Amino acid sequence: MSVNDKGIVDTLKECPENGFRMLMMKYQEPVYWHIRRLVVSHDDAQDASQETFVRIYRSFNQYRGDCSLRSWIYRIATNEALRLISKRKQKEVSLESDSTGVSLIPADNYIDFDDKVAVKLQKAILSLPPKQQLAFNMRYYDELGFDEIAKVADSTPASIKASYHVAKEKIIKYMNSNG
């Protein structure tokens, strides 16, 4: 049974426990994967996901409805992921570095390492600057529109669209290279 966001918001206002359960059922997995694509490591993604939902629960009374519930949730999740990345001082990901978490991917079953195209795509995405990674991941994987991504990223739709297209071109170039 799929519950719409208005139903979740109404239930959260009337009965916070039930509403939060509904919110978790709908958003727990998508939020985890959104964060996971940004932080790479399963453990980091779990930590940031848990913190995201704690923040959502504690600050729901601040949700005004001036953006979609999904945008609001993804903005909190994105901020948690970026907070974790900056805490680890991981400004740009180097695929040669063991600290990126790329070496942890096989153990987490994140990528089928027999699928060379999937591995190469993941490396291409990780080679992008954070804003381009965010724009690409949210558009390609989460299927969000540029307006919604802009709200999540506290940016403009035009800027997000430009970041997405630059990211896409870099990924195509990377995928076509011999690397």
N, C-alpha and C. Protein backbone atom coordinates (compact mmCIF):
# COMPACT_ATOMS: atom_id res chain seq x y z
N MET A 1 0.84 -1.19 0.00
CA MET A 1 0.00 0.00 0.00
C MET A 1 0.88 1.25 0.00
N SER A 2 0.68 2.09 -0.96
CA SER A 2 1.47 3.32 -1.08
C SER A 2 0.68 4.49 -0.51
N VAL A 3 1.32 5.22 0.37
CA VAL A 3 0.69 6.36 1.02
C VAL A 3 1.26 7.63 0.41
N ASN A 4 0.38 8.59 0.11
CA ASN A 4 0.89 9.84 -0.46
C ASN A 4 1.42 10.75 0.66
N ASP A 5 2.21 11.73 0.24
CA ASP A 5 2.87 12.61 1.21
C ASP A 5 1.88 13.42 2.04
N LYS A 6 0.78 13.83 1.44
CA LYS A 6 -0.22 14.60 2.20
C LYS A 6 -0.78 13.74 3.34
N GLY A 7 -1.01 12.47 3.06
CA GLY A 7 -1.49 11.55 4.10
C GLY A 7 -0.47 11.40 5.22
N ILE A 8 0.79 11.36 4.86
CA ILE A 8 1.86 11.25 5.86
C ILE A 8 1.90 12.51 6.72
N VAL A 9 1.86 13.67 6.07
CA VAL A 9 1.91 14.95 6.80
C VAL A 9 0.72 15.07 7.73
N ASP A 10 -0.48 14.75 7.24
CA ASP A 10 -1.69 14.83 8.08
C ASP A 10 -1.58 13.90 9.28
N THR A 11 -1.10 12.68 9.04
CA THR A 11 -0.98 11.70 10.13
C THR A 11 0.10 12.14 11.12
N LEU A 12 1.20 12.71 10.62
CA LEU A 12 2.25 13.20 11.52
C LEU A 12 1.71 14.28 12.47
N LYS A 13 0.82 15.12 11.95
CA LYS A 13 0.25 16.19 12.77
C LYS A 13 -0.72 15.63 13.82
N GLU A 14 -1.48 14.60 13.44
CA GLU A 14 -2.50 14.04 14.34
C GLU A 14 -1.90 13.02 15.31
N CYS A 15 -1.06 12.15 14.78
CA CYS A 15 -0.46 11.09 15.59
C CYS A 15 0.99 10.89 15.13
N PRO A 16 1.91 11.64 15.74
CA PRO A 16 3.30 11.63 15.28
C PRO A 16 3.92 10.23 15.13
N GLU A 17 3.64 9.33 16.06
CA GLU A 17 4.24 7.99 15.98
C GLU A 17 3.81 7.25 14.72
N ASN A 18 2.51 7.25 14.44
CA ASN A 18 2.00 6.57 13.24
C ASN A 18 2.48 7.27 11.97
N GLY A 19 2.46 8.59 11.99
CA GLY A 19 2.91 9.35 10.82
C GLY A 19 4.38 9.09 10.53
N PHE A 20 5.18 9.03 11.58
CA PHE A 20 6.60 8.79 11.39
C PHE A 20 6.85 7.37 10.86
N ARG A 21 6.05 6.42 11.34
CA ARG A 21 6.15 5.05 10.82
C ARG A 21 5.84 5.02 9.33
N MET A 22 4.80 5.76 8.93
CA MET A 22 4.43 5.84 7.51
C MET A 22 5.56 6.48 6.69
N LEU A 23 6.12 7.56 7.23
CA LEU A 23 7.21 8.26 6.56
C LEU A 23 8.42 7.33 6.39
N MET A 24 8.74 6.57 7.42
CA MET A 24 9.87 5.63 7.36
C MET A 24 9.60 4.55 6.31
N MET A 25 8.38 4.03 6.27
CA MET A 25 8.06 2.98 5.30
C MET A 25 8.27 3.48 3.86
N LYS A 26 7.90 4.72 3.62
CA LYS A 26 8.00 5.26 2.26
C LYS A 26 9.41 5.73 1.92
N TYR A 27 10.10 6.35 2.87
CA TYR A 27 11.34 7.05 2.55
C TYR A 27 12.63 6.40 3.05
N GLN A 28 12.56 5.41 3.92
CA GLN A 28 13.78 4.86 4.50
C GLN A 28 14.75 4.33 3.42
N GLU A 29 14.26 3.52 2.52
CA GLU A 29 15.14 2.94 1.50
C GLU A 29 15.62 3.99 0.48
N PRO A 30 14.73 4.84 -0.08
CA PRO A 30 15.23 5.85 -1.03
C PRO A 30 16.24 6.81 -0.40
N VAL A 31 16.02 7.19 0.86
CA VAL A 31 16.95 8.10 1.53
C VAL A 31 18.30 7.40 1.74
N TYR A 32 18.27 6.15 2.16
CA TYR A 32 19.51 5.40 2.35
C TYR A 32 20.32 5.39 1.04
N TRP A 33 19.67 5.05 -0.08
CA TRP A 33 20.40 4.95 -1.35
C TRP A 33 20.85 6.31 -1.85
N HIS A 34 20.07 7.34 -1.60
CA HIS A 34 20.50 8.70 -1.96
C HIS A 34 21.78 9.05 -1.21
N ILE A 35 21.79 8.82 0.07
CA ILE A 35 22.97 9.11 0.89
C ILE A 35 24.13 8.19 0.50
N ARG A 36 23.83 6.94 0.27
CA ARG A 36 24.87 5.95 -0.07
C ARG A 36 25.62 6.35 -1.33
N ARG A 37 24.91 6.88 -2.32
CA ARG A 37 25.57 7.30 -3.55
C ARG A 37 26.51 8.48 -3.29
N LEU A 38 26.25 9.24 -2.25
CA LEU A 38 27.11 10.39 -1.94
C LEU A 38 28.29 10.01 -1.05
N VAL A 39 28.05 9.17 -0.05
CA VAL A 39 29.12 8.85 0.91
C VAL A 39 29.83 7.53 0.61
N VAL A 40 29.25 6.70 -0.24
CA VAL A 40 29.77 5.42 -0.72
C VAL A 40 29.69 4.30 0.33
N SER A 41 30.26 4.48 1.49
CA SER A 41 30.32 3.42 2.50
C SER A 41 28.94 3.10 3.09
N HIS A 42 28.66 1.81 3.22
CA HIS A 42 27.40 1.36 3.81
C HIS A 42 27.24 1.87 5.24
N ASP A 43 28.30 1.74 6.05
CA ASP A 43 28.21 2.18 7.45
C ASP A 43 27.95 3.68 7.55
N ASP A 44 28.64 4.45 6.73
CA ASP A 44 28.42 5.90 6.73
C ASP A 44 27.00 6.23 6.27
N ALA A 45 26.52 5.51 5.27
CA ALA A 45 25.16 5.75 4.77
C ALA A 45 24.13 5.42 5.84
N GLN A 46 24.35 4.33 6.57
CA GLN A 46 23.42 3.98 7.65
C GLN A 46 23.43 5.06 8.73
N ASP A 47 24.62 5.51 9.13
CA ASP A 47 24.72 6.55 10.16
C ASP A 47 24.03 7.83 9.73
N ALA A 48 24.31 8.26 8.50
CA ALA A 48 23.71 9.51 8.00
C ALA A 48 22.19 9.35 7.82
N SER A 49 21.74 8.17 7.42
CA SER A 49 20.29 7.93 7.28
C SER A 49 19.61 8.01 8.64
N GLN A 50 20.19 7.38 9.63
CA GLN A 50 19.61 7.43 10.97
C GLN A 50 19.53 8.86 11.48
N GLU A 51 20.62 9.61 11.28
CA GLU A 51 20.64 11.00 11.73
C GLU A 51 19.62 11.83 10.96
N THR A 52 19.43 11.52 9.68
CA THR A 52 18.44 12.21 8.86
C THR A 52 17.05 12.04 9.47
N PHE A 53 16.69 10.82 9.81
CA PHE A 53 15.34 10.58 10.34
C PHE A 53 15.17 11.12 11.75
N VAL A 54 16.23 11.15 12.52
CA VAL A 54 16.16 11.79 13.84
C VAL A 54 15.88 13.28 13.66
N ARG A 55 16.60 13.90 12.73
CA ARG A 55 16.39 15.34 12.46
C ARG A 55 14.98 15.61 11.92
N ILE A 56 14.50 14.72 11.05
CA ILE A 56 13.14 14.89 10.52
C ILE A 56 12.13 14.83 11.65
N TYR A 57 12.28 13.85 12.53
CA TYR A 57 11.34 13.69 13.63
C TYR A 57 11.36 14.91 14.56
N ARG A 58 12.58 15.36 14.88
CA ARG A 58 12.71 16.48 15.82
C ARG A 58 12.27 17.81 15.22
N SER A 59 12.38 17.96 13.90
CA SER A 59 12.11 19.26 13.31
C SER A 59 10.86 19.28 12.44
N PHE A 60 10.04 18.25 12.52
CA PHE A 60 8.86 18.23 11.66
C PHE A 60 7.96 19.44 11.88
N ASN A 61 7.90 19.92 13.09
CA ASN A 61 7.05 21.09 13.36
C ASN A 61 7.52 22.34 12.61
N GLN A 62 8.75 22.30 12.05
CA GLN A 62 9.26 23.42 11.26
C GLN A 62 8.93 23.27 9.77
N TYR A 63 8.40 22.11 9.39
CA TYR A 63 8.03 21.90 7.99
C TYR A 63 6.78 22.72 7.70
N ARG A 64 6.90 23.65 6.76
CA ARG A 64 5.81 24.59 6.46
C ARG A 64 5.01 24.21 5.21
N GLY A 65 5.50 23.25 4.45
CA GLY A 65 4.79 22.85 3.25
C GLY A 65 5.03 23.75 2.05
N ASP A 66 6.06 24.64 2.13
CA ASP A 66 6.35 25.51 0.99
C ASP A 66 7.16 24.79 -0.08
N CYS A 67 7.57 23.55 0.19
CA CYS A 67 8.15 22.67 -0.81
C CYS A 67 7.57 21.28 -0.54
N SER A 68 7.78 20.37 -1.45
CA SER A 68 7.22 19.03 -1.23
C SER A 68 7.90 18.36 -0.05
N LEU A 69 7.20 17.43 0.58
CA LEU A 69 7.77 16.67 1.69
C LEU A 69 9.03 15.96 1.21
N ARG A 70 8.99 15.39 0.01
CA ARG A 70 10.15 14.69 -0.53
C ARG A 70 11.35 15.62 -0.65
N SER A 71 11.16 16.83 -1.16
CA SER A 71 12.26 17.80 -1.26
C SER A 71 12.83 18.13 0.11
N TRP A 72 11.95 18.33 1.07
CA TRP A 72 12.38 18.66 2.43
C TRP A 72 13.21 17.52 3.02
N ILE A 73 12.75 16.30 2.86
CA ILE A 73 13.45 15.12 3.37
C ILE A 73 14.81 14.97 2.68
N TYR A 74 14.82 15.10 1.35
CA TYR A 74 16.08 14.96 0.61
C TYR A 74 17.07 16.06 0.96
N ARG A 75 16.57 17.23 1.26
CA ARG A 75 17.48 18.32 1.66
C ARG A 75 18.15 17.98 2.99
N ILE A 76 17.39 17.47 3.93
CA ILE A 76 17.96 17.06 5.21
C ILE A 76 18.95 15.92 4.99
N ALA A 77 18.59 14.94 4.17
CA ALA A 77 19.48 13.81 3.89
C ALA A 77 20.76 14.27 3.21
N THR A 78 20.63 15.17 2.25
CA THR A 78 21.80 15.69 1.55
C THR A 78 22.71 16.43 2.51
N ASN A 79 22.13 17.25 3.37
CA ASN A 79 22.94 17.98 4.36
C ASN A 79 23.67 17.02 5.29
N GLU A 80 23.00 15.94 5.69
CA GLU A 80 23.66 14.95 6.55
C GLU A 80 24.81 14.28 5.82
N ALA A 81 24.60 13.92 4.56
CA ALA A 81 25.67 13.29 3.78
C ALA A 81 26.84 14.25 3.62
N LEU A 82 26.56 15.50 3.27
CA LEU A 82 27.63 16.47 3.09
C LEU A 82 28.34 16.77 4.40
N ARG A 83 27.61 16.78 5.50
CA ARG A 83 28.22 16.99 6.82
C ARG A 83 29.20 15.85 7.11
N LEU A 84 28.79 14.64 6.81
CA LEU A 84 29.65 13.48 7.03
C LEU A 84 30.89 13.54 6.14
N ILE A 85 30.70 13.90 4.89
CA ILE A 85 31.83 14.00 3.95
C ILE A 85 32.81 15.07 4.43
N SER A 86 32.29 16.23 4.82
CA SER A 86 33.19 17.30 5.25
C SER A 86 33.88 16.94 6.56
N LYS A 87 33.19 16.20 7.41
CA LYS A 87 33.80 15.76 8.67
C LYS A 87 35.00 14.85 8.37
N ARG A 88 34.91 14.11 7.32
CA ARG A 88 35.99 13.22 6.92
C ARG A 88 37.00 13.94 6.03
N LYS A 89 36.76 15.26 5.82
CA LYS A 89 37.63 16.10 5.00
C LYS A 89 37.87 15.48 3.62
N GLN A 90 36.78 15.02 3.05
CA GLN A 90 36.84 14.36 1.74
C GLN A 90 36.28 15.32 0.70
N LYS A 91 37.06 16.34 0.35
CA LYS A 91 36.58 17.36 -0.57
C LYS A 91 36.40 16.80 -1.97
N GLU A 92 37.44 16.14 -2.50
CA GLU A 92 37.33 15.50 -3.80
C GLU A 92 37.76 14.07 -3.65
N VAL A 93 37.06 13.20 -4.30
CA VAL A 93 37.32 11.77 -4.18
C VAL A 93 38.43 11.38 -5.14
N SER A 94 39.46 10.74 -4.61
CA SER A 94 40.49 10.16 -5.46
C SER A 94 40.26 8.67 -5.48
N LEU A 95 40.10 8.12 -6.65
CA LEU A 95 39.81 6.70 -6.75
C LEU A 95 41.01 5.84 -6.37
N GLU A 96 42.19 6.43 -6.35
CA GLU A 96 43.37 5.68 -5.96
C GLU A 96 43.50 5.58 -4.44
N SER A 97 42.83 6.45 -3.73
CA SER A 97 42.93 6.49 -2.27
C SER A 97 42.06 5.42 -1.63
N ASP A 98 42.60 4.72 -0.64
CA ASP A 98 41.83 3.72 0.07
C ASP A 98 40.79 4.34 0.99
N SER A 99 40.93 5.63 1.28
CA SER A 99 40.02 6.29 2.23
C SER A 99 38.68 6.64 1.62
N THR A 100 38.51 6.46 0.31
CA THR A 100 37.26 6.86 -0.34
C THR A 100 36.11 5.92 -0.04
N GLY A 101 36.43 4.71 0.36
CA GLY A 101 35.38 3.74 0.59
C GLY A 101 35.13 2.88 -0.64
N VAL A 102 35.78 3.19 -1.76
CA VAL A 102 35.57 2.41 -2.97
C VAL A 102 35.96 0.95 -2.71
N SER A 103 36.99 0.74 -1.91
CA SER A 103 37.42 -0.63 -1.62
C SER A 103 36.38 -1.38 -0.79
N LEU A 104 35.48 -0.66 -0.14
CA LEU A 104 34.45 -1.30 0.69
C LEU A 104 33.25 -1.77 -0.14
N ILE A 105 33.14 -1.25 -1.33
CA ILE A 105 31.95 -1.52 -2.15
C ILE A 105 31.71 -3.01 -2.36
N PRO A 106 32.72 -3.82 -2.75
CA PRO A 106 32.42 -5.23 -3.01
C PRO A 106 31.86 -5.94 -1.78
N ALA A 107 32.37 -5.63 -0.62
CA ALA A 107 31.91 -6.29 0.60
C ALA A 107 30.47 -5.91 0.92
N ASP A 108 30.04 -4.76 0.44
CA ASP A 108 28.68 -4.29 0.72
C ASP A 108 27.68 -4.69 -0.35
N ASN A 109 28.11 -5.37 -1.39
CA ASN A 109 27.24 -5.76 -2.50
C ASN A 109 26.57 -4.55 -3.15
N TYR A 110 27.25 -3.42 -3.14
CA TYR A 110 26.71 -2.19 -3.72
C TYR A 110 26.72 -2.26 -5.23
N ILE A 111 27.78 -2.83 -5.77
CA ILE A 111 27.94 -2.91 -7.22
C ILE A 111 28.28 -4.35 -7.56
N ASP A 112 27.75 -4.83 -8.64
CA ASP A 112 28.13 -6.13 -9.17
C ASP A 112 29.46 -5.94 -9.89
N PHE A 113 30.56 -6.36 -9.24
CA PHE A 113 31.88 -6.11 -9.81
C PHE A 113 32.15 -6.96 -11.04
N ASP A 114 31.25 -7.87 -11.37
CA ASP A 114 31.37 -8.59 -12.63
C ASP A 114 30.81 -7.74 -13.77
N ASP A 115 30.02 -6.73 -13.43
CA ASP A 115 29.46 -5.82 -14.42
C ASP A 115 30.43 -4.64 -14.57
N LYS A 116 31.32 -4.75 -15.53
CA LYS A 116 32.39 -3.76 -15.71
C LYS A 116 31.82 -2.37 -16.04
N VAL A 117 30.69 -2.32 -16.74
CA VAL A 117 30.08 -1.04 -17.08
C VAL A 117 29.58 -0.34 -15.80
N ALA A 118 28.94 -1.10 -14.91
CA ALA A 118 28.45 -0.52 -13.65
C ALA A 118 29.61 0.00 -12.80
N VAL A 119 30.69 -0.75 -12.76
CA VAL A 119 31.88 -0.32 -12.00
C VAL A 119 32.43 0.96 -12.59
N LYS A 120 32.54 1.00 -13.91
CA LYS A 120 33.09 2.18 -14.57
C LYS A 120 32.17 3.39 -14.37
N LEU A 121 30.86 3.18 -14.42
CA LEU A 121 29.91 4.28 -14.18
C LEU A 121 30.08 4.82 -12.76
N GLN A 122 30.18 3.93 -11.78
CA GLN A 122 30.35 4.37 -10.39
C GLN A 122 31.64 5.17 -10.24
N LYS A 123 32.72 4.71 -10.86
CA LYS A 123 34.00 5.45 -10.78
C LYS A 123 33.86 6.81 -11.45
N ALA A 124 33.14 6.86 -12.56
CA ALA A 124 32.93 8.13 -13.26
C ALA A 124 32.17 9.11 -12.36
N ILE A 125 31.13 8.64 -11.71
CA ILE A 125 30.33 9.51 -10.82
C ILE A 125 31.19 9.99 -9.66
N LEU A 126 31.98 9.10 -9.08
CA LEU A 126 32.82 9.47 -7.94
C LEU A 126 33.93 10.44 -8.32
N SER A 127 34.25 10.55 -9.61
CA SER A 127 35.30 11.47 -10.04
C SER A 127 34.78 12.91 -10.17
N LEU A 128 33.46 13.08 -10.08
CA LEU A 128 32.85 14.41 -10.22
C LEU A 128 32.98 15.22 -8.94
N PRO A 129 32.99 16.56 -9.06
CA PRO A 129 32.90 17.41 -7.86
C PRO A 129 31.55 17.18 -7.17
N PRO A 130 31.45 17.44 -5.86
CA PRO A 130 30.23 17.14 -5.10
C PRO A 130 28.93 17.69 -5.68
N LYS A 131 28.92 18.95 -6.16
CA LYS A 131 27.68 19.53 -6.68
C LYS A 131 27.22 18.78 -7.94
N GLN A 132 28.17 18.40 -8.78
CA GLN A 132 27.82 17.65 -9.99
C GLN A 132 27.37 16.24 -9.63
N GLN A 133 28.02 15.62 -8.65
CA GLN A 133 27.59 14.29 -8.18
C GLN A 133 26.15 14.35 -7.71
N LEU A 134 25.85 15.34 -6.89
CA LEU A 134 24.52 15.50 -6.33
C LEU A 134 23.49 15.69 -7.44
N ALA A 135 23.77 16.60 -8.37
CA ALA A 135 22.83 16.87 -9.46
C ALA A 135 22.61 15.61 -10.30
N PHE A 136 23.70 14.92 -10.64
CA PHE A 136 23.57 13.72 -11.46
C PHE A 136 22.81 12.62 -10.73
N ASN A 137 23.21 12.33 -9.50
CA ASN A 137 22.56 11.25 -8.75
C ASN A 137 21.07 11.49 -8.54
N MET A 138 20.71 12.71 -8.19
CA MET A 138 19.30 12.99 -7.90
C MET A 138 18.45 12.98 -9.17
N ARG A 139 19.05 13.36 -10.28
CA ARG A 139 18.31 13.35 -11.56
C ARG A 139 18.25 11.94 -12.13
N TYR A 140 19.39 11.26 -12.16
CA TYR A 140 19.49 9.95 -12.81
C TYR A 140 18.89 8.84 -11.96
N TYR A 141 19.26 8.77 -10.69
CA TYR A 141 18.81 7.67 -9.83
C TYR A 141 17.48 7.97 -9.13
N ASP A 142 17.37 9.18 -8.56
CA ASP A 142 16.17 9.52 -7.78
C ASP A 142 15.05 10.08 -8.66
N GLU A 143 15.38 10.39 -9.92
CA GLU A 143 14.42 10.88 -10.91
C GLU A 143 13.69 12.15 -10.45
N LEU A 144 14.42 13.04 -9.78
CA LEU A 144 13.85 14.31 -9.36
C LEU A 144 14.00 15.32 -10.49
N GLY A 145 13.07 16.27 -10.55
CA GLY A 145 13.16 17.35 -11.52
C GLY A 145 14.17 18.40 -11.08
N PHE A 146 14.58 19.25 -12.01
CA PHE A 146 15.58 20.27 -11.70
C PHE A 146 15.09 21.24 -10.62
N ASP A 147 13.80 21.58 -10.63
CA ASP A 147 13.25 22.48 -9.61
C ASP A 147 13.37 21.85 -8.22
N GLU A 148 13.04 20.58 -8.14
CA GLU A 148 13.09 19.89 -6.84
C GLU A 148 14.54 19.72 -6.36
N ILE A 149 15.44 19.38 -7.28
CA ILE A 149 16.86 19.25 -6.91
C ILE A 149 17.39 20.59 -6.43
N ALA A 150 16.98 21.67 -7.09
CA ALA A 150 17.43 23.01 -6.70
C ALA A 150 17.00 23.33 -5.26
N LYS A 151 15.78 22.94 -4.89
CA LYS A 151 15.32 23.17 -3.52
C LYS A 151 16.14 22.35 -2.53
N VAL A 152 16.45 21.12 -2.89
CA VAL A 152 17.25 20.25 -2.02
C VAL A 152 18.65 20.82 -1.86
N ALA A 153 19.24 21.28 -2.96
CA ALA A 153 20.63 21.74 -2.96
C ALA A 153 20.78 23.22 -2.63
N ASP A 154 19.66 23.90 -2.35
CA ASP A 154 19.66 25.33 -2.07
C ASP A 154 20.37 26.08 -3.21
N SER A 155 19.88 25.84 -4.40
CA SER A 155 20.47 26.41 -5.61
C SER A 155 19.34 26.84 -6.54
N THR A 156 19.69 27.17 -7.77
CA THR A 156 18.67 27.52 -8.76
C THR A 156 18.50 26.37 -9.74
N PRO A 157 17.32 26.24 -10.32
CA PRO A 157 17.13 25.19 -11.34
C PRO A 157 18.13 25.30 -12.49
N ALA A 158 18.44 26.52 -12.92
CA ALA A 158 19.39 26.71 -14.02
C ALA A 158 20.78 26.20 -13.64
N SER A 159 21.20 26.49 -12.42
CA SER A 159 22.51 26.04 -11.95
C SER A 159 22.56 24.52 -11.84
N ILE A 160 21.49 23.93 -11.34
CA ILE A 160 21.43 22.47 -11.22
C ILE A 160 21.41 21.82 -12.60
N LYS A 161 20.66 22.41 -13.50
CA LYS A 161 20.60 21.88 -14.87
C LYS A 161 21.98 21.93 -15.52
N ALA A 162 22.69 23.02 -15.32
CA ALA A 162 24.05 23.15 -15.87
C ALA A 162 24.98 22.11 -15.23
N SER A 163 24.90 21.96 -13.91
CA SER A 163 25.74 20.97 -13.22
C SER A 163 25.45 19.55 -13.72
N TYR A 164 24.17 19.26 -13.91
CA TYR A 164 23.78 17.93 -14.40
C TYR A 164 24.35 17.68 -15.79
N HIS A 165 24.21 18.66 -16.68
CA HIS A 165 24.67 18.46 -18.05
C HIS A 165 26.20 18.37 -18.14
N VAL A 166 26.90 19.17 -17.33
CA VAL A 166 28.36 19.06 -17.30
C VAL A 166 28.75 17.69 -16.75
N ALA A 167 28.07 17.25 -15.69
CA ALA A 167 28.34 15.93 -15.11
C ALA A 167 28.10 14.83 -16.14
N LYS A 168 27.00 14.94 -16.85
CA LYS A 168 26.65 13.93 -17.86
C LYS A 168 27.73 13.87 -18.94
N GLU A 169 28.19 15.02 -19.40
CA GLU A 169 29.24 15.06 -20.42
C GLU A 169 30.54 14.44 -19.91
N LYS A 170 30.89 14.75 -18.65
CA LYS A 170 32.11 14.17 -18.06
C LYS A 170 31.98 12.65 -17.94
N ILE A 171 30.81 12.19 -17.56
CA ILE A 171 30.58 10.74 -17.41
C ILE A 171 30.66 10.06 -18.78
N ILE A 172 30.06 10.66 -19.78
CA ILE A 172 30.12 10.08 -21.14
C ILE A 172 31.58 10.00 -21.59
N LYS A 173 32.32 11.07 -21.37
CA LYS A 173 33.73 11.09 -21.75
C LYS A 173 34.50 10.00 -21.00
N TYR A 174 34.25 9.88 -19.70
CA TYR A 174 34.92 8.86 -18.88
C TYR A 174 34.55 7.46 -19.36
N MET A 175 33.27 7.24 -19.65
CA MET A 175 32.80 5.93 -20.08
C MET A 175 33.39 5.54 -21.44
N ASN A 176 33.65 6.52 -22.28
CA ASN A 176 34.21 6.26 -23.61
C ASN A 176 35.73 6.15 -23.60
N SER A 177 36.35 6.48 -22.47
CA SER A 177 37.81 6.38 -22.38
C SER A 177 38.22 4.94 -22.13
N ASN A 178 39.48 4.67 -22.26
CA ASN A 178 39.99 3.30 -22.03
C ASN A 178 40.27 3.03 -20.57
N GLY A 179 40.13 4.06 -19.71
CA GLY A 179 40.46 3.93 -18.30
C GLY A 179 39.59 3.03 -17.51
